[in-house]
Amino acid sequence: MLSCVPKPDSGKNHAAVCKPDSEKRVIAICSAFCSSPFGQLWKPCKIKTIIHECTHFTDTFNSRDEIYVDTESGARIWAENHREEAIRNADSITGYIATFDKDVEEKK
């Protein structure tokens, strides 16, 4: 049982979590996630989606969705002008974690 209801699948959203249920680690996967590339870290992909959602859990980063940023340069420009928000923004944290490589290959 969850304490909140994730946003309905609009066909555009990839995943969601119920932040108050951090102990359960439930991530709702939406339809857009299925057609997303696995590990092309230079753009939205499955790995970055999972990292993004995990940053929301209260005992990891307790992040927020201040703004959604798809590119490193966009995130940098936004962060320079919004320092306080950037440090707790889920996409900012995701970008920090997932920018060491450009691609991660899926093991089959």
Protein backbone atom coordinates (compact mmCIF):
# COMPACT_ATOMS: atom_id res chain seq x y z
CA MET A 1 0.00 0.00 0.00
CA LEU A 2 1.35 3.44 -0.96
CA SER A 3 0.72 6.71 0.84
CA CYS A 4 0.26 8.62 -2.41
CA VAL A 5 -0.76 8.01 -6.00
CA PRO A 6 1.82 8.53 -8.75
CA LYS A 7 0.80 10.76 -11.64
CA PRO A 8 -1.22 8.87 -14.25
CA ASP A 9 0.72 7.65 -17.28
CA SER A 10 0.38 10.47 -19.81
CA GLY A 11 2.60 8.77 -22.39
CA LYS A 12 5.27 11.41 -21.75
CA ASN A 13 6.30 10.73 -18.16
CA HIS A 14 8.77 7.88 -17.66
CA ALA A 15 8.48 7.05 -13.95
CA ALA A 16 7.44 8.32 -10.53
CA VAL A 17 7.87 7.57 -6.83
CA CYS A 18 5.81 8.17 -3.72
CA LYS A 19 8.39 10.10 -1.72
CA PRO A 20 6.83 9.35 1.70
CA ASP A 21 7.22 5.62 0.95
CA SER A 22 11.01 5.74 0.68
CA GLU A 23 11.38 2.64 2.84
CA LYS A 24 9.57 0.53 0.21
CA ARG A 25 11.61 1.82 -2.77
CA VAL A 26 8.66 1.53 -5.15
CA ILE A 27 9.20 3.16 -8.55
CA ALA A 28 6.17 3.35 -10.86
CA ILE A 29 7.34 2.73 -14.41
CA CYS A 30 5.33 4.40 -17.20
CA SER A 31 4.99 3.51 -20.88
CA ALA A 32 7.53 6.09 -22.16
CA PHE A 33 10.21 4.34 -20.10
CA CYS A 34 9.85 1.21 -22.24
CA SER A 35 10.86 2.95 -25.48
CA SER A 36 13.65 4.99 -23.88
CA PRO A 37 17.25 3.99 -24.73
CA PHE A 38 19.01 1.94 -22.06
CA GLY A 39 22.18 3.85 -21.27
CA GLN A 40 22.85 6.77 -23.57
CA LEU A 41 23.81 9.07 -20.71
CA TRP A 42 24.09 12.16 -22.92
CA LYS A 43 20.27 12.22 -23.24
CA PRO A 44 17.23 10.90 -21.33
CA CYS A 45 17.54 7.13 -20.89
CA LYS A 46 16.46 4.29 -18.60
CA ILE A 47 19.52 4.51 -16.34
CA LYS A 48 19.10 8.25 -15.78
CA THR A 49 15.37 7.80 -15.14
CA ILE A 50 16.03 5.26 -12.38
CA ILE A 51 18.77 7.44 -10.84
CA HIS A 52 16.46 10.48 -10.98
CA GLU A 53 13.66 8.62 -9.19
CA CYS A 54 16.02 7.17 -6.55
CA THR A 55 17.25 10.66 -5.66
CA HIS A 56 13.72 11.48 -4.48
CA PHE A 57 13.78 8.95 -1.65
CA THR A 58 14.01 10.77 1.67
CA ASP A 59 17.00 8.78 2.90
CA THR A 60 19.07 9.32 -0.25
CA PHE A 61 18.95 12.94 -1.49
CA ASN A 62 15.33 13.88 -0.71
CA SER A 63 15.41 15.74 -4.02
CA ARG A 64 12.70 17.80 -5.70
CA ASP A 65 11.69 18.39 -9.29
CA GLU A 66 12.51 22.09 -9.36
CA ILE A 67 13.09 21.85 -13.12
CA TYR A 68 13.59 19.06 -15.64
CA VAL A 69 16.85 19.49 -17.55
CA ASP A 70 17.83 17.16 -20.41
CA THR A 71 21.29 18.50 -21.24
CA GLU A 72 24.43 19.15 -19.23
CA SER A 73 24.77 22.65 -20.66
CA GLY A 74 21.14 23.46 -19.84
CA ALA A 75 21.58 22.19 -16.29
CA ARG A 76 24.77 24.24 -15.86
CA ILE A 77 23.16 27.47 -17.08
CA TRP A 78 20.09 26.96 -14.87
CA ALA A 79 22.23 26.05 -11.83
CA GLU A 80 24.39 29.16 -12.18
CA ASN A 81 21.26 31.28 -11.76
CA HIS A 82 19.44 29.07 -9.23
CA ARG A 83 22.10 27.76 -6.86
CA GLU A 84 19.83 26.93 -3.91
CA GLU A 85 17.30 25.06 -6.05
CA ALA A 86 19.98 23.26 -8.11
CA ILE A 87 21.55 21.55 -5.12
CA ARG A 88 18.30 19.71 -4.37
CA ASN A 89 17.01 19.30 -7.96
CA ALA A 90 16.65 15.65 -9.03
CA ASP A 91 17.95 16.24 -12.57
CA SER A 92 20.96 18.18 -11.26
CA ILE A 93 21.90 15.30 -8.97
CA THR A 94 21.27 12.78 -11.75
CA GLY A 95 23.51 14.73 -14.10
CA TYR A 96 26.28 14.77 -11.51
CA ILE A 97 26.04 10.99 -11.04
CA ALA A 98 25.58 10.02 -14.69
CA THR A 99 28.06 12.13 -16.63
CA PHE A 100 31.23 10.08 -16.28
CA ASP A 101 30.59 8.05 -19.43
CA LYS A 102 28.58 8.80 -22.56
CA ASP A 103 27.10 5.32 -23.02
CA VAL A 104 26.51 2.28 -20.84
CA GLU A 105 25.87 -0.95 -22.71
CA GLU A 106 23.04 -3.23 -21.70
CA LYS A 107 24.09 -6.77 -20.78
CA LYS A 108 21.88 -9.34 -22.45
